[in-house]
């Protein structure tokens, strides 16, 4: 069983580069303040590091 983390989209995608928009969509986040629980893998951590200003890890 892998560890899971909850992430929350806190920022808007308006006026963001296309790469960052694709990363947030790839994480499964749609609307602002939406929360998603996903597996904690190195690839997910890398995606989160690219959009730290748009998402927040929720405990």
C-alpha atoms as a PDB file:
ATOM      1  CA  UNK A   1       0.000   0.000   0.000  1.00  0.00           C
ATOM      2  CA  UNK A   2       1.437   3.328  -1.069  1.00  0.00           C
ATOM      3  CA  UNK A   3       1.208   6.500   0.932  1.00  0.00           C
ATOM      4  CA  UNK A   4      -1.307   9.059  -0.330  1.00  0.00           C
ATOM      5  CA  UNK A   5      -1.232  12.841  -0.160  1.00  0.00           C
ATOM      6  CA  UNK A   6      -4.018  15.382  -0.502  1.00  0.00           C
ATOM      7  CA  UNK A   7      -3.414  18.351  -2.752  1.00  0.00           C
ATOM      8  CA  UNK A   8      -5.580  21.434  -3.101  1.00  0.00           C
ATOM      9  CA  UNK A   9      -5.648  23.870  -6.001  1.00  0.00           C
ATOM     10  CA  UNK A  10      -5.337  27.354  -4.537  1.00  0.00           C
ATOM     11  CA  UNK A  11      -4.517  29.523  -7.542  1.00  0.00           C
ATOM     12  CA  UNK A  12      -6.077  30.366 -10.865  1.00  0.00           C
ATOM     13  CA  UNK A  13      -4.681  29.099 -14.150  1.00  0.00           C
ATOM     14  CA  UNK A  14      -5.416  32.391 -15.893  1.00  0.00           C
ATOM     15  CA  UNK A  15      -2.229  33.914 -17.361  1.00  0.00           C
ATOM     16  CA  UNK A  16      -0.131  30.849 -16.508  1.00  0.00           C
ATOM     17  CA  UNK A  17       2.170  29.137 -19.024  1.00  0.00           C
ATOM     18  CA  UNK A  18       0.699  26.175 -20.927  1.00  0.00           C
ATOM     19  CA  UNK A  19       3.160  23.775 -19.257  1.00  0.00           C
ATOM     20  CA  UNK A  20       1.880  24.692 -15.791  1.00  0.00           C
ATOM     21  CA  UNK A  21      -1.733  24.372 -16.915  1.00  0.00           C
ATOM     22  CA  UNK A  22      -0.999  20.861 -18.213  1.00  0.00           C
ATOM     23  CA  UNK A  23       0.717  19.890 -14.944  1.00  0.00           C
ATOM     24  CA  UNK A  24      -2.272  20.991 -12.834  1.00  0.00           C
ATOM     25  CA  UNK A  25      -4.682  19.192 -15.162  1.00  0.00           C
ATOM     26  CA  UNK A  26      -2.440  16.116 -15.002  1.00  0.00           C
ATOM     27  CA  UNK A  27      -2.743  16.138 -11.223  1.00  0.00           C
ATOM     28  CA  UNK A  28      -6.524  15.942 -11.670  1.00  0.00           C
ATOM     29  CA  UNK A  29      -7.374  19.363 -10.283  1.00  0.00           C
ATOM     30  CA  UNK A  30     -10.114  21.302 -12.042  1.00  0.00           C
ATOM     31  CA  UNK A  31     -11.683  24.156 -10.086  1.00  0.00           C
ATOM     32  CA  UNK A  32     -10.092  26.427  -7.505  1.00  0.00           C
ATOM     33  CA  UNK A  33     -10.254  24.921  -3.992  1.00  0.00           C
ATOM     34  CA  UNK A  34     -10.724  21.411  -5.390  1.00  0.00           C
ATOM     35  CA  UNK A  35      -8.978  18.661  -3.410  1.00  0.00           C
ATOM     36  CA  UNK A  36      -7.600  15.391  -4.758  1.00  0.00           C
ATOM     37  CA  UNK A  37      -5.966  12.480  -2.973  1.00  0.00           C
ATOM     38  CA  UNK A  38      -3.227  10.816  -5.033  1.00  0.00           C
ATOM     39  CA  UNK A  39      -0.317   8.457  -4.470  1.00  0.00           C
ATOM     40  CA  UNK A  40       2.912   9.988  -3.199  1.00  0.00           C
ATOM     41  CA  UNK A  41       5.457   9.112  -5.890  1.00  0.00           C
ATOM     42  CA  UNK A  42       8.604  10.910  -7.060  1.00  0.00           C
ATOM     43  CA  UNK A  43       6.899  11.883 -10.316  1.00  0.00           C
ATOM     44  CA  UNK A  44       3.990  13.489  -8.458  1.00  0.00           C
ATOM     45  CA  UNK A  45       6.426  15.328  -6.179  1.00  0.00           C
ATOM     46  CA  UNK A  46       8.207  16.641  -9.272  1.00  0.00           C
ATOM     47  CA  UNK A  47       4.934  17.881 -10.709  1.00  0.00           C
ATOM     48  CA  UNK A  48       4.093  19.601  -7.430  1.00  0.00           C
ATOM     49  CA  UNK A  49       7.465  21.341  -7.374  1.00  0.00           C
ATOM     50  CA  UNK A  50       6.692  22.938 -10.756  1.00  0.00           C
ATOM     51  CA  UNK A  51       3.425  24.504  -9.581  1.00  0.00           C
ATOM     52  CA  UNK A  52       4.013  25.265  -5.888  1.00  0.00           C
ATOM     53  CA  UNK A  53       2.418  28.688  -6.330  1.00  0.00           C
ATOM     54  CA  UNK A  54      -0.845  27.123  -7.561  1.00  0.00           C
ATOM     55  CA  UNK A  55      -1.291  24.107  -5.261  1.00  0.00           C
ATOM     56  CA  UNK A  56      -0.982  23.269  -1.588  1.00  0.00           C
ATOM     57  CA  UNK A  57      -0.400  19.946   0.156  1.00  0.00           C
ATOM     58  CA  UNK A  58      -3.170  19.458   2.725  1.00  0.00           C
ATOM     59  CA  UNK A  59      -2.638  17.344   5.853  1.00  0.00           C
END
